[in-house]
Protein backbone atom coordinates (compact mmCIF):
# COMPACT_ATOMS: atom_id res chain seq x y z
CA MET A 1 55.41 33.69 -87.37
CA GLN A 2 56.24 30.05 -86.77
CA PRO A 3 54.46 27.02 -88.27
CA ILE A 4 51.60 25.66 -86.16
CA ARG A 5 50.78 21.96 -85.84
CA GLN A 6 47.68 20.13 -84.68
CA GLY A 7 47.96 16.38 -85.15
CA ASP A 8 48.77 15.69 -88.79
CA VAL A 9 47.86 19.22 -89.95
CA ILE A 10 50.61 21.83 -90.22
CA LEU A 11 49.91 25.50 -90.91
CA GLN A 12 52.77 27.45 -92.46
CA PRO A 13 52.64 31.25 -92.64
CA VAL A 14 52.80 32.71 -96.14
CA GLN A 15 53.64 36.23 -97.22
CA GLN A 16 51.25 36.34 -100.17
CA THR A 17 47.75 37.69 -99.80
CA ILE A 18 44.77 35.65 -100.93
CA GLN A 19 44.48 37.98 -103.94
CA GLN A 20 48.02 36.96 -104.99
CA ILE A 21 47.19 33.27 -104.51
CA GLU A 22 43.98 33.64 -106.58
CA GLY A 23 42.45 30.44 -105.29
CA LYS A 24 38.83 29.31 -105.12
CA LYS A 25 37.01 30.32 -101.93
CA LEU A 26 35.52 27.25 -100.22
CA PRO A 27 32.11 27.29 -98.49
CA HIS A 28 33.44 25.64 -95.30
CA LEU A 29 36.28 25.92 -92.76
CA ILE A 30 37.33 22.25 -92.60
CA LEU A 31 41.10 22.02 -93.04
CA ALA A 32 41.29 18.20 -93.01
CA GLU A 33 39.08 15.17 -92.40
CA GLY A 34 40.19 12.01 -90.63
CA GLU A 35 40.10 9.01 -92.95
CA VAL A 36 39.49 6.53 -90.15
CA THR A 37 37.40 8.44 -87.59
CA GLY A 38 35.71 11.09 -89.74
CA HIS A 39 36.82 13.73 -87.23
CA THR A 40 37.74 17.10 -88.69
CA HIS A 41 40.33 19.81 -88.15
CA ARG A 42 38.11 22.90 -88.44
CA ILE A 43 37.91 26.54 -87.49
CA ILE A 44 35.19 26.97 -84.85
CA GLU A 45 35.71 30.58 -83.71
CA GLY A 46 36.98 33.76 -85.29
CA GLN A 47 36.63 35.25 -88.74
CA ALA A 48 38.37 33.21 -91.42
CA GLU A 49 38.08 32.01 -95.00
CA LEU A 50 39.49 28.92 -96.69
CA TYR A 51 40.78 28.84 -100.27
CA GLU A 52 42.06 26.11 -102.59
CA LYS A 53 44.57 26.51 -105.41
CA ASP A 54 46.21 23.68 -107.32
CA GLY A 55 45.35 21.14 -104.62
CA THR A 56 46.70 23.26 -101.75
CA LEU A 57 44.51 24.86 -99.07
CA TYR A 58 45.11 28.38 -97.75
CA LEU A 59 43.53 29.74 -94.59
CA ARG A 60 43.07 33.48 -94.15
CA VAL A 61 42.36 34.61 -90.58
CA PHE A 62 40.84 38.11 -90.43
CA SER A 63 40.15 38.35 -86.69
CA LYS A 64 42.96 38.75 -84.15
CA GLU A 65 42.92 34.95 -83.89
CA ALA A 66 40.81 31.94 -84.86
CA THR A 67 40.34 28.66 -83.00
CA LEU A 68 41.30 25.39 -84.68
CA ALA A 69 39.51 22.40 -83.13
CA HIS A 70 39.62 18.61 -83.47
CA GLU A 71 37.93 15.91 -81.40
CA GLU A 72 41.22 14.21 -80.44
CA HIS A 73 43.44 17.29 -79.93
CA ARG A 74 43.28 20.39 -77.79
CA ALA A 75 41.97 23.49 -79.54
CA ILE A 76 44.67 25.96 -80.60
CA SER A 77 44.69 29.64 -81.56
CA ILE A 78 45.74 30.64 -85.05
CA PRO A 79 46.96 34.27 -85.30
CA GLN A 80 45.70 36.69 -87.92
CA GLY A 81 47.32 36.21 -91.32
CA THR A 82 47.49 33.87 -94.30
CA TRP A 83 48.45 30.21 -93.75
CA MET A 84 49.23 27.32 -96.10
CA VAL A 85 47.58 24.10 -94.88
CA ARG A 86 49.73 20.99 -95.14
CA THR A 87 49.09 17.38 -94.11
CA GLN A 88 52.04 15.51 -92.65
CA ARG A 89 53.38 12.63 -94.72
CA GLU A 90 55.57 9.69 -93.78
CA TYR A 91 57.76 7.40 -95.85
CA GLN A 92 57.05 3.69 -96.21
CA PRO A 93 58.86 1.21 -98.48
CA GLN A 94 55.89 1.43 -100.88
CA GLY A 95 56.27 5.23 -101.04
CA TRP A 96 55.02 8.35 -99.27
CA ARG A 97 51.63 8.34 -97.56
CA TYR A 98 49.66 10.96 -95.67
CA VAL A 99 49.49 10.54 -91.90
CA THR A 100 45.94 9.90 -90.69
CA ASP A 101 44.38 10.71 -87.33
């Protein structure tokens, strides 16, 4: 599987299962929140769970696919599997910063 991108959120497939990651299960499916607009990258359809371990989010999609939505981007399908959630960063003279929607 290839990485999937929606705005500043990048999902990278991982080979480990959630049991191997041993993260904390989160009570929501929000992958990222916009700092300026408050809009969210979130799973709106399909069966999925979100975990956090050492500051990194992992998405586990149980259904054939899940739908990732955001108010400023088109909805995209995420295939079944385990995904590491990353937020794109960019370099500035002051250092690295996370890209914001």
